[in-house]
């Protein structure tokens, strides 16, 4: 019989134990019901946006998206405000 303890070399041992330890460390701080579930919402983070801009051609994608209703399609209430300084009127 062979009396050697294991045929694993140091690199193989580290690879095998690192996988299990990494997963255990990642899931250790979570409550039991949270492991493997996702609680992210598909809703926009901010449902109302006010775009304050100077009327130049580089702002046209935002204006076209607003006019075609692309923001509404994804649940965002958008307002486009044209100002001489690029800030929405009424702000400092």
PDB file of N, CA and C in Angstrom:
ATOM      1  N   UNK A   1       0.826  -1.184   0.000  1.00  0.00           N
ATOM      2  CA  UNK A   1       0.000   0.000   0.000  1.00  0.00           C
ATOM      3  C   UNK A   1       0.865   1.239   0.000  1.00  0.00           C
ATOM      4  N   UNK A   2       0.284   2.275  -0.541  1.00  0.00           N
ATOM      5  CA  UNK A   2       0.984   3.557  -0.608  1.00  0.00           C
ATOM      6  C   UNK A   2       0.669   4.353   0.651  1.00  0.00           C
ATOM      7  N   UNK A   3       1.669   4.823   1.341  1.00  0.00           N
ATOM      8  CA  UNK A   3       1.438   5.536   2.601  1.00  0.00           C
ATOM      9  C   UNK A   3       1.484   7.053   2.447  1.00  0.00           C
ATOM     10  N   UNK A   4       1.539   7.595   1.203  1.00  0.00           N
ATOM     11  CA  UNK A   4       1.559   9.049   1.024  1.00  0.00           C
ATOM     12  C   UNK A   4       0.178   9.613   1.347  1.00  0.00           C
ATOM     13  N   UNK A   5       0.112  10.738   2.054  1.00  0.00           N
ATOM     14  CA  UNK A   5      -1.167  11.276   2.532  1.00  0.00           C
ATOM     15  C   UNK A   5      -2.107  11.707   1.414  1.00  0.00           C
ATOM     16  N   UNK A   6      -1.624  12.430   0.440  1.00  0.00           N
ATOM     17  CA  UNK A   6      -2.488  12.923  -0.619  1.00  0.00           C
ATOM     18  C   UNK A   6      -1.669  13.199  -1.860  1.00  0.00           C
ATOM     19  N   UNK A   7      -2.294  13.055  -2.997  1.00  0.00           N
ATOM     20  CA  UNK A   7      -1.606  13.289  -4.257  1.00  0.00           C
ATOM     21  C   UNK A   7      -1.772  14.738  -4.732  1.00  0.00           C
ATOM     22  N   UNK A   8      -2.384  15.603  -3.942  1.00  0.00           N
ATOM     23  CA  UNK A   8      -2.558  17.000  -4.314  1.00  0.00           C
ATOM     24  C   UNK A   8      -1.267  17.774  -4.094  1.00  0.00           C
ATOM     25  N   UNK A   9      -0.918  18.574  -5.069  1.00  0.00           N
ATOM     26  CA  UNK A   9       0.210  19.462  -4.823  1.00  0.00           C
ATOM     27  C   UNK A   9      -0.331  20.765  -4.228  1.00  0.00           C
ATOM     28  N   UNK A  10       0.530  21.680  -3.926  1.00  0.00           N
ATOM     29  CA  UNK A  10       0.132  22.907  -3.238  1.00  0.00           C
ATOM     30  C   UNK A  10      -0.826  23.750  -4.080  1.00  0.00           C
ATOM     31  N   UNK A  11      -0.581  23.878  -5.377  1.00  0.00           N
ATOM     32  CA  UNK A  11      -1.440  24.683  -6.238  1.00  0.00           C
ATOM     33  C   UNK A  11      -2.835  24.094  -6.356  1.00  0.00           C
ATOM     34  N   UNK A  12      -2.942  22.803  -6.499  1.00  0.00           N
ATOM     35  CA  UNK A  12      -4.250  22.157  -6.597  1.00  0.00           C
ATOM     36  C   UNK A  12      -5.028  22.330  -5.291  1.00  0.00           C
ATOM     37  N   UNK A  13      -4.342  22.201  -4.187  1.00  0.00           N
ATOM     38  CA  UNK A  13      -4.995  22.379  -2.894  1.00  0.00           C
ATOM     39  C   UNK A  13      -5.548  23.795  -2.749  1.00  0.00           C
ATOM     40  N   UNK A  14      -4.756  24.794  -3.130  1.00  0.00           N
ATOM     41  CA  UNK A  14      -5.190  26.190  -3.011  1.00  0.00           C
ATOM     42  C   UNK A  14      -6.383  26.450  -3.920  1.00  0.00           C
ATOM     43  N   UNK A  15      -6.353  25.935  -5.136  1.00  0.00           N
ATOM     44  CA  UNK A  15      -7.478  26.125  -6.053  1.00  0.00           C
ATOM     45  C   UNK A  15      -8.769  25.524  -5.501  1.00  0.00           C
ATOM     46  N   UNK A  16      -8.699  24.317  -4.989  1.00  0.00           N
ATOM     47  CA  UNK A  16      -9.897  23.646  -4.483  1.00  0.00           C
ATOM     48  C   UNK A  16     -10.455  24.336  -3.245  1.00  0.00           C
ATOM     49  N   UNK A  17      -9.608  24.732  -2.339  1.00  0.00           N
ATOM     50  CA  UNK A  17     -10.100  25.361  -1.112  1.00  0.00           C
ATOM     51  C   UNK A  17     -10.486  26.813  -1.332  1.00  0.00           C
ATOM     52  N   UNK A  18      -9.843  27.507  -2.246  1.00  0.00           N
ATOM     53  CA  UNK A  18     -10.159  28.919  -2.492  1.00  0.00           C
ATOM     54  C   UNK A  18     -11.562  29.083  -3.052  1.00  0.00           C
ATOM     55  N   UNK A  19     -11.987  28.188  -3.916  1.00  0.00           N
ATOM     56  CA  UNK A  19     -13.337  28.278  -4.490  1.00  0.00           C
ATOM     57  C   UNK A  19     -14.394  28.193  -3.397  1.00  0.00           C
ATOM     58  N   UNK A  20     -14.264  27.229  -2.540  1.00  0.00           N
ATOM     59  CA  UNK A  20     -15.238  27.058  -1.470  1.00  0.00           C
ATOM     60  C   UNK A  20     -15.198  28.177  -0.450  1.00  0.00           C
ATOM     61  N   UNK A  21     -14.017  28.632  -0.113  1.00  0.00           N
ATOM     62  CA  UNK A  21     -13.892  29.712   0.863  1.00  0.00           C
ATOM     63  C   UNK A  21     -14.419  31.025   0.327  1.00  0.00           C
ATOM     64  N   UNK A  22     -14.195  31.293  -0.945  1.00  0.00           N
ATOM     65  CA  UNK A  22     -14.685  32.537  -1.535  1.00  0.00           C
ATOM     66  C   UNK A  22     -16.198  32.577  -1.521  1.00  0.00           C
ATOM     67  N   UNK A  23     -16.838  31.524  -1.938  1.00  0.00           N
ATOM     68  CA  UNK A  23     -18.289  31.471  -1.942  1.00  0.00           C
ATOM     69  C   UNK A  23     -18.842  31.567  -0.524  1.00  0.00           C
ATOM     70  N   UNK A  24     -18.235  30.886   0.404  1.00  0.00           N
ATOM     71  CA  UNK A  24     -18.676  30.937   1.793  1.00  0.00           C
ATOM     72  C   UNK A  24     -18.534  32.343   2.347  1.00  0.00           C
ATOM     73  N   UNK A  25     -17.430  33.017   2.049  1.00  0.00           N
ATOM     74  CA  UNK A  25     -17.213  34.368   2.549  1.00  0.00           C
ATOM     75  C   UNK A  25     -18.209  35.354   1.956  1.00  0.00           C
ATOM     76  N   UNK A  26     -18.551  35.172   0.681  1.00  0.00           N
ATOM     77  CA  UNK A  26     -19.508  36.076   0.045  1.00  0.00           C
ATOM     78  C   UNK A  26     -20.913  35.922   0.611  1.00  0.00           C
ATOM     79  N   UNK A  27     -21.299  34.714   0.907  1.00  0.00           N
ATOM     80  CA  UNK A  27     -22.660  34.467   1.378  1.00  0.00           C
ATOM     81  C   UNK A  27     -22.793  34.470   2.896  1.00  0.00           C
ATOM     82  N   UNK A  28     -21.708  34.566   3.618  1.00  0.00           N
ATOM     83  CA  UNK A  28     -21.757  34.446   5.074  1.00  0.00           C
ATOM     84  C   UNK A  28     -22.525  35.571   5.742  1.00  0.00           C
ATOM     85  N   UNK A  29     -22.414  36.789   5.228  1.00  0.00           N
ATOM     86  CA  UNK A  29     -23.071  37.920   5.875  1.00  0.00           C
ATOM     87  C   UNK A  29     -24.518  38.108   5.490  1.00  0.00           C
ATOM     88  N   UNK A  30     -25.032  37.334   4.560  1.00  0.00           N
ATOM     89  CA  UNK A  30     -26.409  37.502   4.108  1.00  0.00           C
ATOM     90  C   UNK A  30     -27.374  36.655   4.935  1.00  0.00           C
ATOM     91  N   UNK A  31     -28.577  37.164   5.158  1.00  0.00           N
ATOM     92  CA  UNK A  31     -29.596  36.324   5.791  1.00  0.00           C
ATOM     93  C   UNK A  31     -29.889  35.112   4.892  1.00  0.00           C
ATOM     94  N   UNK A  32     -30.369  34.037   5.478  1.00  0.00           N
ATOM     95  CA  UNK A  32     -30.546  32.783   4.743  1.00  0.00           C
ATOM     96  C   UNK A  32     -31.487  32.913   3.553  1.00  0.00           C
ATOM     97  N   UNK A  33     -32.516  33.726   3.637  1.00  0.00           N
ATOM     98  CA  UNK A  33     -33.465  33.883   2.540  1.00  0.00           C
ATOM     99  C   UNK A  33     -32.938  34.698   1.385  1.00  0.00           C
ATOM    100  N   UNK A  34     -31.856  35.435   1.576  1.00  0.00           N
ATOM    101  CA  UNK A  34     -31.346  36.319   0.539  1.00  0.00           C
ATOM    102  C   UNK A  34     -30.411  35.623  -0.430  1.00  0.00           C
ATOM    103  N   UNK A  35     -29.845  34.543  -0.092  1.00  0.00           N
ATOM    104  CA  UNK A  35     -28.867  33.883  -0.952  1.00  0.00           C
ATOM    105  C   UNK A  35     -29.533  33.446  -2.244  1.00  0.00           C
ATOM    106  N   UNK A  36     -29.062  33.979  -3.358  1.00  0.00           N
ATOM    107  CA  UNK A  36     -29.575  33.595  -4.658  1.00  0.00           C
ATOM    108  C   UNK A  36     -30.789  34.365  -5.130  1.00  0.00           C
ATOM    109  N   UNK A  37     -31.206  35.413  -4.442  1.00  0.00           N
ATOM    110  CA  UNK A  37     -32.347  36.195  -4.882  1.00  0.00           C
ATOM    111  C   UNK A  37     -31.910  37.604  -5.229  1.00  0.00           C
ATOM    112  N   UNK A  38     -32.718  38.271  -6.040  1.00  0.00           N
ATOM    113  CA  UNK A  38     -32.410  39.626  -6.476  1.00  0.00           C
ATOM    114  C   UNK A  38     -33.557  40.529  -6.066  1.00  0.00           C
ATOM    115  N   UNK A  39     -33.230  41.671  -5.475  1.00  0.00           N
ATOM    116  CA  UNK A  39     -34.251  42.609  -5.030  1.00  0.00           C
ATOM    117  C   UNK A  39     -34.175  43.940  -5.768  1.00  0.00           C
ATOM    118  N   UNK A  40     -33.570  43.985  -6.947  1.00  0.00           N
ATOM    119  CA  UNK A  40     -33.473  45.225  -7.697  1.00  0.00           C
ATOM    120  C   UNK A  40     -34.781  45.496  -8.427  1.00  0.00           C
ATOM    121  N   UNK A  41     -35.129  46.762  -8.515  1.00  0.00           N
ATOM    122  CA  UNK A  41     -36.340  47.166  -9.212  1.00  0.00           C
ATOM    123  C   UNK A  41     -35.983  47.616 -10.625  1.00  0.00           C
ATOM    124  N   UNK A  42     -36.902  47.429 -11.554  1.00  0.00           N
ATOM    125  CA  UNK A  42     -36.705  47.907 -12.913  1.00  0.00           C
ATOM    126  C   UNK A  42     -37.133  49.358 -13.078  1.00  0.00           C
ATOM    127  N   UNK A  43     -37.724  49.942 -12.058  1.00  0.00           N
ATOM    128  CA  UNK A  43     -38.179  51.323 -12.134  1.00  0.00           C
ATOM    129  C   UNK A  43     -36.977  52.273 -12.161  1.00  0.00           C
ATOM    130  N   UNK A  44     -37.134  53.441 -12.791  1.00  0.00           N
ATOM    131  CA  UNK A  44     -36.022  54.391 -12.806  1.00  0.00           C
ATOM    132  C   UNK A  44     -35.718  54.904 -11.404  1.00  0.00           C
ATOM    133  N   UNK A  45     -34.445  55.211 -11.172  1.00  0.00           N
ATOM    134  CA  UNK A  45     -34.035  55.701  -9.864  1.00  0.00           C
ATOM    135  C   UNK A  45     -34.699  57.036  -9.540  1.00  0.00           C
ATOM    136  N   UNK A  46     -34.745  57.907 -10.519  1.00  0.00           N
ATOM    137  CA  UNK A  46     -35.388  59.208 -10.366  1.00  0.00           C
ATOM    138  C   UNK A  46     -36.463  59.326 -11.442  1.00  0.00           C
ATOM    139  N   UNK A  47     -37.753  59.279 -11.072  1.00  0.00           N
ATOM    140  CA  UNK A  47     -38.803  59.251 -12.090  1.00  0.00           C
ATOM    141  C   UNK A  47     -39.049  60.589 -12.779  1.00  0.00           C
ATOM    142  N   UNK A  48     -38.529  61.685 -12.251  1.00  0.00           N
ATOM    143  CA  UNK A  48     -38.735  62.999 -12.869  1.00  0.00           C
ATOM    144  C   UNK A  48     -37.379  63.669 -13.103  1.00  0.00           C
ATOM    145  N   UNK A  49     -37.114  64.039 -14.365  1.00  0.00           N
ATOM    146  CA  UNK A  49     -35.859  64.687 -14.719  1.00  0.00           C
ATOM    147  C   UNK A  49     -36.128  66.018 -15.398  1.00  0.00           C
ATOM    148  N   UNK A  50     -35.317  67.008 -15.056  1.00  0.00           N
ATOM    149  CA  UNK A  50     -35.384  68.310 -15.703  1.00  0.00           C
ATOM    150  C   UNK A  50     -34.051  68.553 -16.386  1.00  0.00           C
ATOM    151  N   UNK A  51     -34.070  68.608 -17.720  1.00  0.00           N
ATOM    152  CA  UNK A  51     -32.862  68.854 -18.491  1.00  0.00           C
ATOM    153  C   UNK A  51     -32.775  70.351 -18.765  1.00  0.00           C
ATOM    154  N   UNK A  52     -31.817  71.038 -18.131  1.00  0.00           N
ATOM    155  CA  UNK A  52     -31.570  72.439 -18.408  1.00  0.00           C
ATOM    156  C   UNK A  52     -30.374  72.545 -19.322  1.00  0.00           C
ATOM    157  N   UNK A  53     -30.552  73.193 -20.483  1.00  0.00           N
ATOM    158  CA  UNK A  53     -29.460  73.203 -21.453  1.00  0.00           C
ATOM    159  C   UNK A  53     -29.470  74.454 -22.296  1.00  0.00           C
ATOM    160  N   UNK A  54     -28.344  74.695 -22.929  1.00  0.00           N
ATOM    161  CA  UNK A  54     -28.213  75.755 -23.919  1.00  0.00           C
ATOM    162  C   UNK A  54     -28.656  75.165 -25.252  1.00  0.00           C
ATOM    163  N   UNK A  55     -29.370  75.939 -26.051  1.00  0.00           N
ATOM    164  CA  UNK A  55     -29.895  75.438 -27.316  1.00  0.00           C
ATOM    165  C   UNK A  55     -28.776  75.334 -28.360  1.00  0.00           C
ATOM    166  N   UNK A  56     -28.090  74.230 -28.356  1.00  0.00           N
ATOM    167  CA  UNK A  56     -27.052  73.930 -29.335  1.00  0.00           C
ATOM    168  C   UNK A  56     -27.352  72.575 -29.959  1.00  0.00           C
ATOM    169  N   UNK A  57     -26.655  72.238 -31.025  1.00  0.00           N
ATOM    170  CA  UNK A  57     -26.929  70.975 -31.699  1.00  0.00           C
ATOM    171  C   UNK A  57     -26.531  69.758 -30.876  1.00  0.00           C
ATOM    172  N   UNK A  58     -25.612  69.922 -29.916  1.00  0.00           N
ATOM    173  CA  UNK A  58     -25.203  68.754 -29.131  1.00  0.00           C
ATOM    174  C   UNK A  58     -26.264  68.314 -28.131  1.00  0.00           C
ATOM    175  N   UNK A  59     -27.303  69.106 -27.920  1.00  0.00           N
ATOM    176  CA  UNK A  59     -28.381  68.696 -27.010  1.00  0.00           C
ATOM    177  C   UNK A  59     -29.532  68.054 -27.770  1.00  0.00           C
ATOM    178  N   UNK A  60     -29.434  67.960 -29.100  1.00  0.00           N
ATOM    179  CA  UNK A  60     -30.553  67.450 -29.901  1.00  0.00           C
ATOM    180  C   UNK A  60     -30.969  66.021 -29.565  1.00  0.00           C
ATOM    181  N   UNK A  61     -30.071  65.078 -29.205  1.00  0.00           N
ATOM    182  CA  UNK A  61     -30.563  63.739 -28.856  1.00  0.00           C
ATOM    183  C   UNK A  61     -31.523  63.737 -27.667  1.00  0.00           C
ATOM    184  N   UNK A  62     -31.259  64.578 -26.682  1.00  0.00           N
ATOM    185  CA  UNK A  62     -32.150  64.640 -25.512  1.00  0.00           C
ATOM    186  C   UNK A  62     -33.487  65.243 -25.907  1.00  0.00           C
ATOM    187  N   UNK A  63     -33.460  66.312 -26.716  1.00  0.00           N
ATOM    188  CA  UNK A  63     -34.699  66.962 -27.141  1.00  0.00           C
ATOM    189  C   UNK A  63     -35.527  66.014 -28.008  1.00  0.00           C
ATOM    190  N   UNK A  64     -34.897  65.311 -28.928  1.00  0.00           N
ATOM    191  CA  UNK A  64     -35.620  64.373 -29.793  1.00  0.00           C
ATOM    192  C   UNK A  64     -36.206  63.224 -28.980  1.00  0.00           C
ATOM    193  N   UNK A  65     -35.440  62.694 -28.041  1.00  0.00           N
ATOM    194  CA  UNK A  65     -35.955  61.615 -27.187  1.00  0.00           C
ATOM    195  C   UNK A  65     -37.144  62.088 -26.367  1.00  0.00           C
ATOM    196  N   UNK A  66     -37.086  63.337 -25.882  1.00  0.00           N
ATOM    197  CA  UNK A  66     -38.199  63.904 -25.114  1.00  0.00           C
ATOM    198  C   UNK A  66     -39.436  64.058 -26.000  1.00  0.00           C
ATOM    199  N   UNK A  67     -39.242  64.604 -27.200  1.00  0.00           N
ATOM    200  CA  UNK A  67     -40.367  64.850 -28.112  1.00  0.00           C
ATOM    201  C   UNK A  67     -40.994  63.542 -28.610  1.00  0.00           C
ATOM    202  N   UNK A  68     -40.210  62.518 -28.817  1.00  0.00           N
ATOM    203  CA  UNK A  68     -40.744  61.240 -29.294  1.00  0.00           C
ATOM    204  C   UNK A  68     -41.327  60.385 -28.166  1.00  0.00           C
ATOM    205  N   UNK A  69     -41.162  60.817 -26.918  1.00  0.00           N
ATOM    206  CA  UNK A  69     -41.744  60.096 -25.793  1.00  0.00           C
ATOM    207  C   UNK A  69     -40.932  58.909 -25.315  1.00  0.00           C
ATOM    208  N   UNK A  70     -39.643  58.884 -25.626  1.00  0.00           N
ATOM    209  CA  UNK A  70     -38.827  57.755 -25.183  1.00  0.00           C
ATOM    210  C   UNK A  70     -38.644  57.730 -23.666  1.00  0.00           C
ATOM    211  N   UNK A  71     -38.594  58.884 -23.044  1.00  0.00           N
ATOM    212  CA  UNK A  71     -38.467  58.907 -21.586  1.00  0.00           C
ATOM    213  C   UNK A  71     -39.736  58.367 -20.935  1.00  0.00           C
ATOM    214  N   UNK A  72     -40.898  58.767 -21.448  1.00  0.00           N
ATOM    215  CA  UNK A  72     -42.174  58.265 -20.897  1.00  0.00           C
ATOM    216  C   UNK A  72     -42.292  56.756 -21.057  1.00  0.00           C
ATOM    217  N   UNK A  73     -41.774  56.245 -22.158  1.00  0.00           N
ATOM    218  CA  UNK A  73     -41.840  54.808 -22.429  1.00  0.00           C
ATOM    219  C   UNK A  73     -41.174  54.015 -21.309  1.00  0.00           C
ATOM    220  N   UNK A  74     -40.127  54.582 -20.726  1.00  0.00           N
ATOM    221  CA  UNK A  74     -39.395  53.893 -19.658  1.00  0.00           C
ATOM    222  C   UNK A  74     -39.723  54.443 -18.267  1.00  0.00           C
ATOM    223  N   UNK A  75     -40.829  55.179 -18.135  1.00  0.00           N
ATOM    224  CA  UNK A  75     -41.304  55.620 -16.836  1.00  0.00           C
ATOM    225  C   UNK A  75     -40.638  56.864 -16.285  1.00  0.00           C
ATOM    226  N   UNK A  76     -40.066  57.695 -17.157  1.00  0.00           N
ATOM    227  CA  UNK A  76     -39.400  58.921 -16.711  1.00  0.00           C
ATOM    228  C   UNK A  76     -40.195  60.118 -17.204  1.00  0.00           C
ATOM    229  N   UNK A  77     -40.554  60.999 -16.289  1.00  0.00           N
ATOM    230  CA  UNK A  77     -41.241  62.231 -16.651  1.00  0.00           C
ATOM    231  C   UNK A  77     -40.168  63.294 -16.893  1.00  0.00           C
ATOM    232  N   UNK A  78     -39.946  63.655 -18.155  1.00  0.00           N
ATOM    233  CA  UNK A  78     -38.864  64.573 -18.495  1.00  0.00           C
ATOM    234  C   UNK A  78     -39.392  65.951 -18.841  1.00  0.00           C
ATOM    235  N   UNK A  79     -38.573  66.952 -18.531  1.00  0.00           N
ATOM    236  CA  UNK A  79     -38.844  68.338 -18.878  1.00  0.00           C
ATOM    237  C   UNK A  79     -37.572  68.907 -19.472  1.00  0.00           C
ATOM    238  N   UNK A  80     -37.697  69.564 -20.618  1.00  0.00           N
ATOM    239  CA  UNK A  80     -36.542  70.201 -21.247  1.00  0.00           C
ATOM    240  C   UNK A  80     -36.709  71.705 -21.082  1.00  0.00           C
ATOM    241  N   UNK A  81     -35.734  72.336 -20.427  1.00  0.00           N
ATOM    242  CA  UNK A  81     -35.762  73.770 -20.169  1.00  0.00           C
ATOM    243  C   UNK A  81     -34.585  74.419 -20.870  1.00  0.00           C
ATOM    244  N   UNK A  82     -34.891  75.381 -21.739  1.00  0.00           N
ATOM    245  CA  UNK A  82     -33.842  76.085 -22.463  1.00  0.00           C
ATOM    246  C   UNK A  82     -33.506  77.364 -21.698  1.00  0.00           C
ATOM    247  N   UNK A  83     -32.241  77.569 -21.419  1.00  0.00           N
ATOM    248  CA  UNK A  83     -31.815  78.773 -20.714  1.00  0.00           C
ATOM    249  C   UNK A  83     -30.523  79.295 -21.284  1.00  0.00           C
ATOM    250  N   UNK A  84     -30.210  80.580 -21.047  1.00  0.00           N
ATOM    251  CA  UNK A  84     -28.992  81.159 -21.596  1.00  0.00           C
ATOM    252  C   UNK A  84     -27.720  80.614 -20.943  1.00  0.00           C
ATOM    253  N   UNK A  85     -27.830  80.097 -19.727  1.00  0.00           N
ATOM    254  CA  UNK A  85     -26.642  79.602 -19.026  1.00  0.00           C
ATOM    255  C   UNK A  85     -26.616  78.094 -18.929  1.00  0.00           C
ATOM    256  N   UNK A  86     -27.641  77.435 -19.454  1.00  0.00           N
ATOM    257  CA  UNK A  86     -27.686  75.993 -19.356  1.00  0.00           C
ATOM    258  C   UNK A  86     -28.337  75.487 -18.093  1.00  0.00           C
ATOM    259  N   UNK A  87     -28.710  76.406 -17.208  1.00  0.00           N
ATOM    260  CA  UNK A  87     -29.395  76.005 -15.970  1.00  0.00           C
ATOM    261  C   UNK A  87     -30.896  76.162 -16.166  1.00  0.00           C
ATOM    262  N   UNK A  88     -31.697  75.369 -15.512  1.00  0.00           N
ATOM    263  CA  UNK A  88     -33.141  75.534 -15.586  1.00  0.00           C
ATOM    264  C   UNK A  88     -33.539  76.879 -15.012  1.00  0.00           C
ATOM    265  N   UNK A  89     -34.559  77.472 -15.564  1.00  0.00           N
ATOM    266  CA  UNK A  89     -35.007  78.780 -15.074  1.00  0.00           C
ATOM    267  C   UNK A  89     -35.465  78.656 -13.627  1.00  0.00           C
ATOM    268  N   UNK A  90     -35.126  79.639 -12.826  1.00  0.00           N
ATOM    269  CA  UNK A  90     -35.523  79.651 -11.427  1.00  0.00           C
ATOM    270  C   UNK A  90     -34.474  79.054 -10.497  1.00  0.00           C
ATOM    271  N   UNK A  91     -33.363  78.566 -11.018  1.00  0.00           N
ATOM    272  CA  UNK A  91     -32.315  78.033 -10.145  1.00  0.00           C
ATOM    273  C   UNK A  91     -31.121  78.969 -10.150  1.00  0.00           C
ATOM    274  N   UNK A  92     -30.337  78.860  -9.137  1.00  0.00           N
ATOM    275  CA  UNK A  92     -29.168  79.734  -9.024  1.00  0.00           C
ATOM    276  C   UNK A  92     -27.914  78.956  -9.332  1.00  0.00           C
TER     277      UNK A  92
END
